[in-house]
Every structure is written in structure tokens, then in C-alpha cells.
Amino acid sequence: MKPSEANIIDILKRYSFEKGVWKQYSPNMSIIGDLKINSARIVDIVLDVEDRFDIEIDDDSLESIVTVQDIVDVIEQKNKPV
């Protein structure tokens, strides 16, 4: 597991009300469907991710986020040297 993935899991666990879903964790789990995180909480999650990784997630990137792996991919893309 990449360090960014572990940090994302920490953030997501704060917004997941069904703790049992984490027993079957996979990076391909849907944030809303599998982890049972309310869609209204996505903005809070994005803000937490932006703060933790010192990045800005634009609207196009936000629209591409469905799974935990999608968040990891966005972070890695934003942290690539230019």
C-alpha cells in the first residue's frame, strides 16, 4: 500500500458510517457505493485530501473520482514533477 493510499483511507474512515466495509477493503472500492459514504461528504473529503497533500483538485479531476484508487491517481498526477 502506498503512503498516499494509507492517508486517504484515514480520511475516508472519518466519513464512513459503516465501519464493517473496511474488512473487505480494496483500492477499487467505490467511495459512495461500496464504502457507503454519503455523496454530500465528497466535498469534505476533497478538502481534506487537498490539505493533507497540499494540492488542488480541479473540477475535471473531481469528476473522475469514483474509487479509492482514483483519488490515489489524482494525487500522484498532481505531485508529478513538471
C-alpha atoms as a PDB file:
ATOM      1  CA  MET A   1       0.000   0.000   0.000  1.00  0.00           C
ATOM      2  CA  LYS A   2       1.343   3.402  -0.979  1.00  0.00           C
ATOM      3  CA  PRO A   3       1.666   6.073   1.719  1.00  0.00           C
ATOM      4  CA  SER A   4      -0.865   8.229  -0.113  1.00  0.00           C
ATOM      5  CA  GLU A   5      -3.364   5.350  -0.065  1.00  0.00           C
ATOM      6  CA  ALA A   6      -2.951   4.894   3.694  1.00  0.00           C
ATOM      7  CA  ASN A   7      -3.558   8.622   4.226  1.00  0.00           C
ATOM      8  CA  ILE A   8      -6.651   8.515   2.009  1.00  0.00           C
ATOM      9  CA  ILE A   9      -8.020   5.572   3.974  1.00  0.00           C
ATOM     10  CA  ASP A  10      -7.553   7.560   7.196  1.00  0.00           C
ATOM     11  CA  ILE A  11      -9.531  10.433   5.688  1.00  0.00           C
ATOM     12  CA  LEU A  12     -12.280   8.212   4.271  1.00  0.00           C
ATOM     13  CA  LYS A  13     -12.759   6.346   7.541  1.00  0.00           C
ATOM     14  CA  ARG A  14     -13.838   9.612   9.163  1.00  0.00           C
ATOM     15  CA  TYR A  15     -16.746   9.869   6.741  1.00  0.00           C
ATOM     16  CA  SER A  16     -17.733   6.194   6.565  1.00  0.00           C
ATOM     17  CA  PHE A  17     -20.503   5.338   8.995  1.00  0.00           C
ATOM     18  CA  GLU A  18     -20.406   1.599   8.274  1.00  0.00           C
ATOM     19  CA  LYS A  19     -17.066   0.523   9.718  1.00  0.00           C
ATOM     20  CA  GLY A  20     -17.552  -3.104   8.606  1.00  0.00           C
ATOM     21  CA  VAL A  21     -16.943  -2.219   4.958  1.00  0.00           C
ATOM     22  CA  TRP A  22     -13.239  -1.783   5.715  1.00  0.00           C
ATOM     23  CA  LYS A  23     -12.820  -5.510   6.448  1.00  0.00           C
ATOM     24  CA  GLN A  24     -13.164  -6.184   2.707  1.00  0.00           C
ATOM     25  CA  TYR A  25     -11.088  -3.163   1.598  1.00  0.00           C
ATOM     26  CA  SER A  26      -9.808  -2.944  -1.952  1.00  0.00           C
ATOM     27  CA  PRO A  27      -8.481   0.167  -3.733  1.00  0.00           C
ATOM     28  CA  ASN A  28     -11.101  -0.439  -6.419  1.00  0.00           C
ATOM     29  CA  MET A  29     -13.984   0.037  -3.987  1.00  0.00           C
ATOM     30  CA  SER A  30     -16.492   2.723  -4.918  1.00  0.00           C
ATOM     31  CA  ILE A  31     -16.443   5.563  -2.413  1.00  0.00           C
ATOM     32  CA  ILE A  32     -20.206   6.013  -2.462  1.00  0.00           C
ATOM     33  CA  GLY A  33     -21.413   2.525  -3.383  1.00  0.00           C
ATOM     34  CA  ASP A  34     -19.026   0.229  -1.502  1.00  0.00           C
ATOM     35  CA  LEU A  35     -17.795   2.400   1.346  1.00  0.00           C
ATOM     36  CA  LYS A  36     -21.286   3.831   1.933  1.00  0.00           C
ATOM     37  CA  ILE A  37     -20.042   7.402   2.136  1.00  0.00           C
ATOM     38  CA  ASN A  38     -22.750   9.992   1.547  1.00  0.00           C
ATOM     39  CA  SER A  39     -22.240  11.917  -1.704  1.00  0.00           C
ATOM     40  CA  ALA A  40     -22.609  15.186   0.213  1.00  0.00           C
ATOM     41  CA  ARG A  41     -19.412  14.299   2.125  1.00  0.00           C
ATOM     42  CA  ILE A  42     -17.316  14.182  -1.069  1.00  0.00           C
ATOM     43  CA  VAL A  43     -16.597  17.914  -0.840  1.00  0.00           C
ATOM     44  CA  ASP A  44     -15.309  17.478   2.721  1.00  0.00           C
ATOM     45  CA  ILE A  45     -13.152  14.549   1.610  1.00  0.00           C
ATOM     46  CA  VAL A  46     -11.702  16.558  -1.286  1.00  0.00           C
ATOM     47  CA  LEU A  47     -10.896  19.458   1.041  1.00  0.00           C
ATOM     48  CA  ASP A  48      -9.177  17.090   3.481  1.00  0.00           C
ATOM     49  CA  VAL A  49      -7.181  15.482   0.652  1.00  0.00           C
ATOM     50  CA  GLU A  50      -6.165  18.895  -0.695  1.00  0.00           C
ATOM     51  CA  ASP A  51      -4.986  19.976   2.767  1.00  0.00           C
ATOM     52  CA  ARG A  52      -3.168  16.724   3.544  1.00  0.00           C
ATOM     53  CA  PHE A  53      -1.316  16.567   0.206  1.00  0.00           C
ATOM     54  CA  ASP A  54      -1.027  20.307  -0.488  1.00  0.00           C
ATOM     55  CA  ILE A  55      -2.694  20.007  -3.894  1.00  0.00           C
ATOM     56  CA  GLU A  56      -5.709  21.498  -5.644  1.00  0.00           C
ATOM     57  CA  ILE A  57      -8.209  19.105  -7.190  1.00  0.00           C
ATOM     58  CA  ASP A  58      -9.864  20.771 -10.176  1.00  0.00           C
ATOM     59  CA  ASP A  59     -13.394  20.034 -11.370  1.00  0.00           C
ATOM     60  CA  ASP A  60     -12.248  17.683 -14.153  1.00  0.00           C
ATOM     61  CA  SER A  61     -10.228  15.605 -11.697  1.00  0.00           C
ATOM     62  CA  LEU A  62     -13.093  15.634  -9.215  1.00  0.00           C
ATOM     63  CA  GLU A  63     -15.480  14.242 -11.829  1.00  0.00           C
ATOM     64  CA  SER A  64     -13.114  11.323 -12.458  1.00  0.00           C
ATOM     65  CA  ILE A  65     -13.072  10.211  -8.804  1.00  0.00           C
ATOM     66  CA  VAL A  66     -15.219   7.145  -8.158  1.00  0.00           C
ATOM     67  CA  THR A  67     -12.913   4.727  -6.327  1.00  0.00           C
ATOM     68  CA  VAL A  68     -10.195   4.995  -3.704  1.00  0.00           C
ATOM     69  CA  GLN A  69      -7.641   4.255  -6.447  1.00  0.00           C
ATOM     70  CA  ASP A  70      -8.962   7.241  -8.419  1.00  0.00           C
ATOM     71  CA  ILE A  71      -8.035   9.521  -5.501  1.00  0.00           C
ATOM     72  CA  VAL A  72      -4.551   7.969  -5.325  1.00  0.00           C
ATOM     73  CA  ASP A  73      -4.142   8.501  -9.077  1.00  0.00           C
ATOM     74  CA  VAL A  74      -5.182  12.161  -8.861  1.00  0.00           C
ATOM     75  CA  ILE A  75      -2.718  12.780  -6.010  1.00  0.00           C
ATOM     76  CA  GLU A  76       0.118  11.104  -7.910  1.00  0.00           C
ATOM     77  CA  GLN A  77      -0.701  13.087 -11.036  1.00  0.00           C
ATOM     78  CA  LYS A  78      -0.767  16.376  -9.114  1.00  0.00           C
ATOM     79  CA  ASN A  79       2.537  15.565  -7.385  1.00  0.00           C
ATOM     80  CA  LYS A  80       4.417  14.671 -10.580  1.00  0.00           C
ATOM     81  CA  PRO A  81       7.415  16.885 -11.243  1.00  0.00           C
ATOM     82  CA  VAL A  82       6.746  19.237 -14.138  1.00  0.00           C
END
